[in-house]
Amino acid sequence: LFIDATKSLSELAQTFEVDGFVTLTSLLTPQFTNKLREECMGIFDGVLEWLYVKGDIAFKESYRRSLELNNECDKPLETTKSRGEKEKTITKAASKKYEYPLKVGLKNGYQELVMRSPGRYEL
């Protein structure tokens, strides 16, 4: 959802209440966001490096291809919906899967770094 700069603050607040987010276009220049991304990735890589040096994680990359072959392609995976209902989905696993240095969730991470879903970190 892209918000027109002509919208009022109350219209933006209403959009946020309905959608849960707003996107403000032209707030930051592409050059600034690229520089900000580089700086944030440097911090992120530094945190992973520190955890690796401490021995808390097995490797310092944010992900890597698994060293094991995945022989369970198309294996049913049971998940829980928000209301406690069970559903089965079929996973289409590649011949090699990815692995991550952290497991999903706050209990498997740190206050400063958490993996919310495979490959999606919060720093």
C-alpha atoms as a PDB file:
ATOM      1  CA  LEU A   1       0.000   0.000   0.000  1.00  0.00           C
ATOM      2  CA  PHE A   2       1.561   3.267  -1.108  1.00  0.00           C
ATOM      3  CA  ILE A   3       0.372   6.438   0.545  1.00  0.00           C
ATOM      4  CA  ASP A   4      -0.011   9.675  -1.370  1.00  0.00           C
ATOM      5  CA  ALA A   5       1.932  12.482   0.292  1.00  0.00           C
ATOM      6  CA  THR A   6      -1.214  14.626   0.151  1.00  0.00           C
ATOM      7  CA  LYS A   7      -3.047  12.450   2.703  1.00  0.00           C
ATOM      8  CA  SER A   8      -3.589  13.926   6.132  1.00  0.00           C
ATOM      9  CA  LEU A   9      -2.158  12.498   9.315  1.00  0.00           C
ATOM     10  CA  SER A  10      -5.612  11.273  10.380  1.00  0.00           C
ATOM     11  CA  GLU A  11      -6.037   9.461   7.036  1.00  0.00           C
ATOM     12  CA  LEU A  12      -2.641   7.825   7.498  1.00  0.00           C
ATOM     13  CA  ALA A  13      -3.575   6.803  11.043  1.00  0.00           C
ATOM     14  CA  GLN A  14      -6.845   5.294   9.814  1.00  0.00           C
ATOM     15  CA  THR A  15      -5.018   3.350   7.100  1.00  0.00           C
ATOM     16  CA  PHE A  16      -2.580   2.077   9.717  1.00  0.00           C
ATOM     17  CA  GLU A  17      -5.437   0.955  11.990  1.00  0.00           C
ATOM     18  CA  VAL A  18      -7.110  -0.948   9.130  1.00  0.00           C
ATOM     19  CA  ASP A  19      -4.069  -2.404   7.339  1.00  0.00           C
ATOM     20  CA  GLY A  20      -1.494  -2.508  10.125  1.00  0.00           C
ATOM     21  CA  PHE A  21       1.086  -0.538   8.117  1.00  0.00           C
ATOM     22  CA  VAL A  22       1.571   2.378   5.779  1.00  0.00           C
ATOM     23  CA  THR A  23       4.223   2.983   3.163  1.00  0.00           C
ATOM     24  CA  LEU A  24       5.441   6.508   2.796  1.00  0.00           C
ATOM     25  CA  THR A  25       6.879   7.021  -0.668  1.00  0.00           C
ATOM     26  CA  SER A  26       9.636   9.553  -1.259  1.00  0.00           C
ATOM     27  CA  LEU A  27      10.418   9.791   2.451  1.00  0.00           C
ATOM     28  CA  LEU A  28      13.980   8.555   1.963  1.00  0.00           C
ATOM     29  CA  THR A  29      16.091   8.717  -1.178  1.00  0.00           C
ATOM     30  CA  PRO A  30      17.260   5.479  -2.819  1.00  0.00           C
ATOM     31  CA  GLN A  31      20.865   6.491  -2.121  1.00  0.00           C
ATOM     32  CA  PHE A  32      20.115   6.923   1.588  1.00  0.00           C
ATOM     33  CA  THR A  33      18.250   3.600   1.867  1.00  0.00           C
ATOM     34  CA  ASN A  34      21.106   1.801   0.085  1.00  0.00           C
ATOM     35  CA  LYS A  35      23.612   3.307   2.518  1.00  0.00           C
ATOM     36  CA  LEU A  36      21.350   2.448   5.457  1.00  0.00           C
ATOM     37  CA  ARG A  37      21.015  -1.151   4.204  1.00  0.00           C
ATOM     38  CA  GLU A  38      24.804  -1.476   3.887  1.00  0.00           C
ATOM     39  CA  GLU A  39      25.269  -0.179   7.431  1.00  0.00           C
ATOM     40  CA  CYS A  40      22.581  -2.497   8.856  1.00  0.00           C
ATOM     41  CA  MET A  41      23.987  -5.524   7.018  1.00  0.00           C
ATOM     42  CA  GLY A  42      27.435  -4.703   8.418  1.00  0.00           C
ATOM     43  CA  ILE A  43      25.984  -4.713  11.943  1.00  0.00           C
ATOM     44  CA  PHE A  44      24.043  -7.933  11.235  1.00  0.00           C
ATOM     45  CA  ASP A  45      27.142  -9.670   9.844  1.00  0.00           C
ATOM     46  CA  GLY A  46      29.139  -8.430  12.854  1.00  0.00           C
ATOM     47  CA  VAL A  47      26.625  -9.928  15.292  1.00  0.00           C
ATOM     48  CA  LEU A  48      26.733 -13.287  13.497  1.00  0.00           C
ATOM     49  CA  GLU A  49      30.550 -13.159  13.470  1.00  0.00           C
ATOM     50  CA  TRP A  50      30.574 -12.449  17.220  1.00  0.00           C
ATOM     51  CA  LEU A  51      28.170 -15.333  17.941  1.00  0.00           C
ATOM     52  CA  TYR A  52      30.330 -17.627  15.793  1.00  0.00           C
ATOM     53  CA  VAL A  53      33.553 -16.607  17.577  1.00  0.00           C
ATOM     54  CA  LYS A  54      31.837 -17.183  20.954  1.00  0.00           C
ATOM     55  CA  GLY A  55      30.851 -20.675  19.773  1.00  0.00           C
ATOM     56  CA  ASP A  56      27.112 -19.993  20.058  1.00  0.00           C
ATOM     57  CA  ILE A  57      26.386 -20.759  16.398  1.00  0.00           C
ATOM     58  CA  ALA A  58      27.890 -23.331  14.018  1.00  0.00           C
ATOM     59  CA  PHE A  59      28.530 -20.943  11.109  1.00  0.00           C
ATOM     60  CA  LYS A  60      28.568 -17.178  10.607  1.00  0.00           C
ATOM     61  CA  GLU A  61      26.494 -16.835   7.437  1.00  0.00           C
ATOM     62  CA  SER A  62      22.777 -15.980   7.738  1.00  0.00           C
ATOM     63  CA  TYR A  63      22.005 -19.216   5.841  1.00  0.00           C
ATOM     64  CA  ARG A  64      23.732 -21.911   3.818  1.00  0.00           C
ATOM     65  CA  ARG A  65      22.822 -24.960   1.825  1.00  0.00           C
ATOM     66  CA  SER A  66      22.500 -27.980   4.041  1.00  0.00           C
ATOM     67  CA  LEU A  67      25.349 -30.414   3.884  1.00  0.00           C
ATOM     68  CA  GLU A  68      22.813 -33.268   4.060  1.00  0.00           C
ATOM     69  CA  LEU A  69      20.641 -34.349   1.163  1.00  0.00           C
ATOM     70  CA  ASN A  70      16.921 -34.090   1.846  1.00  0.00           C
ATOM     71  CA  ASN A  71      15.480 -37.515   0.987  1.00  0.00           C
ATOM     72  CA  GLU A  72      11.991 -36.685   2.246  1.00  0.00           C
ATOM     73  CA  CYS A  73      10.650 -34.658  -0.687  1.00  0.00           C
ATOM     74  CA  ASP A  74       6.899 -34.027  -0.669  1.00  0.00           C
ATOM     75  CA  LYS A  75       6.630 -35.062   2.980  1.00  0.00           C
ATOM     76  CA  PRO A  76       3.354 -34.026   4.663  1.00  0.00           C
ATOM     77  CA  LEU A  77       3.946 -31.400   7.320  1.00  0.00           C
ATOM     78  CA  GLU A  78       1.384 -30.910  10.082  1.00  0.00           C
ATOM     79  CA  THR A  79       0.891 -27.314  11.139  1.00  0.00           C
ATOM     80  CA  THR A  80      -1.467 -25.631  13.572  1.00  0.00           C
ATOM     81  CA  LYS A  81      -3.819 -22.857  12.466  1.00  0.00           C
ATOM     82  CA  SER A  82      -4.477 -19.899  14.738  1.00  0.00           C
ATOM     83  CA  ARG A  83      -7.558 -21.536  16.300  1.00  0.00           C
ATOM     84  CA  GLY A  84      -5.790 -24.766  17.149  1.00  0.00           C
ATOM     85  CA  GLU A  85      -7.059 -26.663  14.084  1.00  0.00           C
ATOM     86  CA  LYS A  86      -4.599 -29.036  12.494  1.00  0.00           C
ATOM     87  CA  GLU A  87      -3.916 -28.961   8.773  1.00  0.00           C
ATOM     88  CA  LYS A  88      -1.557 -30.912   6.586  1.00  0.00           C
ATOM     89  CA  THR A  89       0.414 -29.249   3.857  1.00  0.00           C
ATOM     90  CA  ILE A  90       2.792 -30.814   1.416  1.00  0.00           C
ATOM     91  CA  THR A  91       6.296 -29.410   1.378  1.00  0.00           C
ATOM     92  CA  LYS A  92       8.083 -29.406  -1.935  1.00  0.00           C
ATOM     93  CA  ALA A  93      11.621 -29.847  -0.679  1.00  0.00           C
ATOM     94  CA  ALA A  94      14.544 -29.378  -3.015  1.00  0.00           C
ATOM     95  CA  SER A  95      17.260 -31.993  -3.233  1.00  0.00           C
ATOM     96  CA  LYS A  96      19.239 -29.805  -0.829  1.00  0.00           C
ATOM     97  CA  LYS A  97      17.686 -27.607   1.807  1.00  0.00           C
ATOM     98  CA  TYR A  98      18.923 -24.526   3.577  1.00  0.00           C
ATOM     99  CA  GLU A  99      20.054 -24.374   7.166  1.00  0.00           C
ATOM    100  CA  TYR A 100      20.318 -21.388   9.458  1.00  0.00           C
ATOM    101  CA  PRO A 101      22.623 -20.650  12.392  1.00  0.00           C
ATOM    102  CA  LEU A 102      19.668 -19.846  14.677  1.00  0.00           C
ATOM    103  CA  LYS A 103      16.370 -21.625  15.160  1.00  0.00           C
ATOM    104  CA  VAL A 104      13.072 -19.761  14.786  1.00  0.00           C
ATOM    105  CA  GLY A 105      11.725 -17.831  17.761  1.00  0.00           C
ATOM    106  CA  LEU A 106      12.860 -15.676  20.633  1.00  0.00           C
ATOM    107  CA  LYS A 107      13.622 -18.670  22.863  1.00  0.00           C
ATOM    108  CA  ASN A 108      16.151 -19.827  20.235  1.00  0.00           C
ATOM    109  CA  GLY A 109      17.673 -16.403  19.646  1.00  0.00           C
ATOM    110  CA  TYR A 110      18.930 -13.458  21.556  1.00  0.00           C
ATOM    111  CA  GLN A 111      17.374 -10.210  22.691  1.00  0.00           C
ATOM    112  CA  GLU A 112      19.315  -8.444  19.930  1.00  0.00           C
ATOM    113  CA  LEU A 113      18.854 -11.002  17.142  1.00  0.00           C
ATOM    114  CA  VAL A 114      15.923 -13.337  16.461  1.00  0.00           C
ATOM    115  CA  MET A 115      14.983 -15.390  13.414  1.00  0.00           C
ATOM    116  CA  ARG A 116      11.212 -14.951  13.003  1.00  0.00           C
ATOM    117  CA  SER A 117      10.876 -17.414  10.120  1.00  0.00           C
ATOM    118  CA  PRO A 118      13.474 -19.245   8.038  1.00  0.00           C
ATOM    119  CA  GLY A 119      15.761 -16.597   6.608  1.00  0.00           C
ATOM    120  CA  ARG A 120      13.887 -13.606   8.114  1.00  0.00           C
ATOM    121  CA  TYR A 121      15.792 -12.059  10.968  1.00  0.00           C
ATOM    122  CA  GLU A 122      15.064  -9.141  13.304  1.00  0.00           C
ATOM    123  CA  LEU A 123      18.045  -7.230  14.618  1.00  0.00           C
END
